[in-house]
Amino acid sequence: MDYKALSTLLKTISDSNRLEIIDLLSCGELCACDLLEHFQFS
């Protein structure tokens, strides 16, 4: 097991906004403008 790669992956998905983006994309492809409609940032 590559612990450095696993650590990097876990840091990446530990952000709640990133998890929400992953969840939204799990239902199908979305363009950036569609993703931004769900968030309060640009």
PDB file of N, CA and C in Angstrom:
ATOM      1  N   MET A   1       0.856  -1.181   0.000  1.00  0.00           N
ATOM      2  CA  MET A   1       0.000   0.000   0.000  1.00  0.00           C
ATOM      3  C   MET A   1       0.898   1.238   0.000  1.00  0.00           C
ATOM      4  N   ASP A   2       0.555   2.185  -0.837  1.00  0.00           N
ATOM      5  CA  ASP A   2       1.298   3.446  -0.923  1.00  0.00           C
ATOM      6  C   ASP A   2       0.636   4.461   0.010  1.00  0.00           C
ATOM      7  N   TYR A   3       1.186   4.603   1.192  1.00  0.00           N
ATOM      8  CA  TYR A   3       0.575   5.455   2.215  1.00  0.00           C
ATOM      9  C   TYR A   3       0.605   6.929   1.841  1.00  0.00           C
ATOM     10  N   LYS A   4       1.622   7.355   1.109  1.00  0.00           N
ATOM     11  CA  LYS A   4       1.693   8.756   0.690  1.00  0.00           C
ATOM     12  C   LYS A   4       0.556   9.086  -0.271  1.00  0.00           C
ATOM     13  N   ALA A   5       0.297   8.220  -1.234  1.00  0.00           N
ATOM     14  CA  ALA A   5      -0.794   8.437  -2.189  1.00  0.00           C
ATOM     15  C   ALA A   5      -2.145   8.380  -1.483  1.00  0.00           C
ATOM     16  N   LEU A   6      -2.296   7.450  -0.561  1.00  0.00           N
ATOM     17  CA  LEU A   6      -3.545   7.339   0.190  1.00  0.00           C
ATOM     18  C   LEU A   6      -3.778   8.588   1.030  1.00  0.00           C
ATOM     19  N   SER A   7      -2.726   9.098   1.648  1.00  0.00           N
ATOM     20  CA  SER A   7      -2.829  10.314   2.448  1.00  0.00           C
ATOM     21  C   SER A   7      -3.262  11.490   1.593  1.00  0.00           C
ATOM     22  N   THR A   8      -2.699  11.609   0.408  1.00  0.00           N
ATOM     23  CA  THR A   8      -3.066  12.687  -0.515  1.00  0.00           C
ATOM     24  C   THR A   8      -4.528  12.572  -0.929  1.00  0.00           C
ATOM     25  N   LEU A   9      -4.968  11.372  -1.234  1.00  0.00           N
ATOM     26  CA  LEU A   9      -6.364  11.152  -1.617  1.00  0.00           C
ATOM     27  C   LEU A   9      -7.310  11.531  -0.478  1.00  0.00           C
ATOM     28  N   LEU A  10      -7.001  11.103   0.723  1.00  0.00           N
ATOM     29  CA  LEU A  10      -7.874  11.394   1.856  1.00  0.00           C
ATOM     30  C   LEU A  10      -7.923  12.884   2.164  1.00  0.00           C
ATOM     31  N   LYS A  11      -6.811  13.587   1.999  1.00  0.00           N
ATOM     32  CA  LYS A  11      -6.807  15.036   2.184  1.00  0.00           C
ATOM     33  C   LYS A  11      -7.685  15.713   1.136  1.00  0.00           C
ATOM     34  N   THR A  12      -7.632  15.200  -0.080  1.00  0.00           N
ATOM     35  CA  THR A  12      -8.407  15.776  -1.173  1.00  0.00           C
ATOM     36  C   THR A  12      -9.899  15.646  -0.927  1.00  0.00           C
ATOM     37  N   ILE A  13     -10.345  14.490  -0.489  1.00  0.00           N
ATOM     38  CA  ILE A  13     -11.783  14.284  -0.319  1.00  0.00           C
ATOM     39  C   ILE A  13     -12.279  14.669   1.067  1.00  0.00           C
ATOM     40  N   SER A  14     -11.403  15.174   1.917  1.00  0.00           N
ATOM     41  CA  SER A  14     -11.839  15.558   3.259  1.00  0.00           C
ATOM     42  C   SER A  14     -12.594  16.888   3.266  1.00  0.00           C
ATOM     43  N   ASP A  15     -12.511  17.646   2.192  1.00  0.00           N
ATOM     44  CA  ASP A  15     -13.220  18.916   2.088  1.00  0.00           C
ATOM     45  C   ASP A  15     -14.687  18.655   1.752  1.00  0.00           C
ATOM     46  N   SER A  16     -15.602  19.247   2.514  1.00  0.00           N
ATOM     47  CA  SER A  16     -17.030  18.973   2.320  1.00  0.00           C
ATOM     48  C   SER A  16     -17.523  19.421   0.940  1.00  0.00           C
ATOM     49  N   ASN A  17     -16.999  20.527   0.411  1.00  0.00           N
ATOM     50  CA  ASN A  17     -17.414  20.972  -0.922  1.00  0.00           C
ATOM     51  C   ASN A  17     -16.977  19.976  -1.991  1.00  0.00           C
ATOM     52  N   ARG A  18     -15.787  19.437  -1.844  1.00  0.00           N
ATOM     53  CA  ARG A  18     -15.305  18.443  -2.821  1.00  0.00           C
ATOM     54  C   ARG A  18     -16.147  17.179  -2.755  1.00  0.00           C
ATOM     55  N   LEU A  19     -16.518  16.766  -1.548  1.00  0.00           N
ATOM     56  CA  LEU A  19     -17.382  15.590  -1.416  1.00  0.00           C
ATOM     57  C   LEU A  19     -18.735  15.825  -2.077  1.00  0.00           C
ATOM     58  N   GLU A  20     -19.267  17.032  -1.922  1.00  0.00           N
ATOM     59  CA  GLU A  20     -20.555  17.345  -2.548  1.00  0.00           C
ATOM     60  C   GLU A  20     -20.422  17.333  -4.072  1.00  0.00           C
ATOM     61  N   ILE A  21     -19.320  17.855  -4.594  1.00  0.00           N
ATOM     62  CA  ILE A  21     -19.084  17.832  -6.044  1.00  0.00           C
ATOM     63  C   ILE A  21     -19.004  16.393  -6.534  1.00  0.00           C
ATOM     64  N   ILE A  22     -18.298  15.543  -5.808  1.00  0.00           N
ATOM     65  CA  ILE A  22     -18.207  14.129  -6.188  1.00  0.00           C
ATOM     66  C   ILE A  22     -19.592  13.497  -6.192  1.00  0.00           C
ATOM     67  N   ASP A  23     -20.394  13.822  -5.197  1.00  0.00           N
ATOM     68  CA  ASP A  23     -21.756  13.285  -5.123  1.00  0.00           C
ATOM     69  C   ASP A  23     -22.584  13.757  -6.313  1.00  0.00           C
ATOM     70  N   LEU A  24     -22.497  15.048  -6.649  1.00  0.00           N
ATOM     71  CA  LEU A  24     -23.250  15.567  -7.792  1.00  0.00           C
ATOM     72  C   LEU A  24     -22.807  14.898  -9.092  1.00  0.00           C
ATOM     73  N   LEU A  25     -21.506  14.695  -9.244  1.00  0.00           N
ATOM     74  CA  LEU A  25     -20.998  14.088 -10.479  1.00  0.00           C
ATOM     75  C   LEU A  25     -21.268  12.586 -10.548  1.00  0.00           C
ATOM     76  N   SER A  26     -21.573  11.977  -9.422  1.00  0.00           N
ATOM     77  CA  SER A  26     -21.869  10.542  -9.439  1.00  0.00           C
ATOM     78  C   SER A  26     -23.177  10.252 -10.170  1.00  0.00           C
ATOM     79  N   CYS A  27     -24.019  11.271 -10.324  1.00  0.00           N
ATOM     80  CA  CYS A  27     -25.296  11.110 -11.030  1.00  0.00           C
ATOM     81  C   CYS A  27     -25.164  11.344 -12.528  1.00  0.00           C
ATOM     82  N   GLY A  28     -24.005  11.824 -12.974  1.00  0.00           N
ATOM     83  CA  GLY A  28     -23.778  12.069 -14.393  1.00  0.00           C
ATOM     84  C   GLY A  28     -22.920  13.300 -14.592  1.00  0.00           C
ATOM     85  N   GLU A  29     -22.587  13.547 -15.832  1.00  0.00           N
ATOM     86  CA  GLU A  29     -21.736  14.689 -16.168  1.00  0.00           C
ATOM     87  C   GLU A  29     -22.464  16.006 -15.938  1.00  0.00           C
ATOM     88  N   LEU A  30     -21.736  16.997 -15.433  1.00  0.00           N
ATOM     89  CA  LEU A  30     -22.248  18.350 -15.266  1.00  0.00           C
ATOM     90  C   LEU A  30     -21.159  19.320 -15.694  1.00  0.00           C
ATOM     91  N   CYS A  31     -21.567  20.419 -16.285  1.00  0.00           N
ATOM     92  CA  CYS A  31     -20.578  21.438 -16.619  1.00  0.00           C
ATOM     93  C   CYS A  31     -20.349  22.300 -15.377  1.00  0.00           C
ATOM     94  N   ALA A  32     -19.302  23.094 -15.413  1.00  0.00           N
ATOM     95  CA  ALA A  32     -18.938  23.923 -14.261  1.00  0.00           C
ATOM     96  C   ALA A  32     -20.065  24.872 -13.873  1.00  0.00           C
ATOM     97  N   CYS A  33     -20.764  25.424 -14.845  1.00  0.00           N
ATOM     98  CA  CYS A  33     -21.852  26.361 -14.527  1.00  0.00           C
ATOM     99  C   CYS A  33     -22.969  25.649 -13.763  1.00  0.00           C
ATOM    100  N   ASP A  34     -23.237  24.374 -14.069  1.00  0.00           N
ATOM    101  CA  ASP A  34     -24.244  23.614 -13.329  1.00  0.00           C
ATOM    102  C   ASP A  34     -23.781  23.328 -11.905  1.00  0.00           C
ATOM    103  N   LEU A  35     -22.498  23.020 -11.741  1.00  0.00           N
ATOM    104  CA  LEU A  35     -21.962  22.776 -10.410  1.00  0.00           C
ATOM    105  C   LEU A  35     -22.026  24.043  -9.557  1.00  0.00           C
ATOM    106  N   LEU A  36     -21.695  25.180 -10.148  1.00  0.00           N
ATOM    107  CA  LEU A  36     -21.661  26.434  -9.389  1.00  0.00           C
ATOM    108  C   LEU A  36     -23.039  26.856  -8.870  1.00  0.00           C
ATOM    109  N   GLU A  37     -24.104  26.383  -9.503  1.00  0.00           N
ATOM    110  CA  GLU A  37     -25.451  26.704  -9.033  1.00  0.00           C
ATOM    111  C   GLU A  37     -25.722  26.137  -7.642  1.00  0.00           C
ATOM    112  N   HIS A  38     -24.948  25.120  -7.248  1.00  0.00           N
ATOM    113  CA  HIS A  38     -25.147  24.464  -5.951  1.00  0.00           C
ATOM    114  C   HIS A  38     -24.314  25.074  -4.827  1.00  0.00           C
ATOM    115  N   PHE A  39     -23.436  26.017  -5.158  1.00  0.00           N
ATOM    116  CA  PHE A  39     -22.494  26.538  -4.174  1.00  0.00           C
ATOM    117  C   PHE A  39     -22.548  28.057  -4.116  1.00  0.00           C
ATOM    118  N   GLN A  40     -22.018  28.600  -3.026  1.00  0.00           N
ATOM    119  CA  GLN A  40     -21.989  30.048  -2.821  1.00  0.00           C
ATOM    120  C   GLN A  40     -20.602  30.627  -3.097  1.00  0.00           C
ATOM    121  N   PHE A  41     -19.852  30.016  -3.991  1.00  0.00           N
ATOM    122  CA  PHE A  41     -18.537  30.546  -4.350  1.00  0.00           C
ATOM    123  C   PHE A  41     -18.386  30.548  -5.856  1.00  0.00           C
ATOM    124  N   SER A  42     -17.373  31.266  -6.346  1.00  0.00           N
ATOM    125  CA  SER A  42     -17.174  31.351  -7.798  1.00  0.00           C
ATOM    126  C   SER A  42     -15.883  30.709  -8.215  1.00  0.00           C
TER     127      SER A  42
END
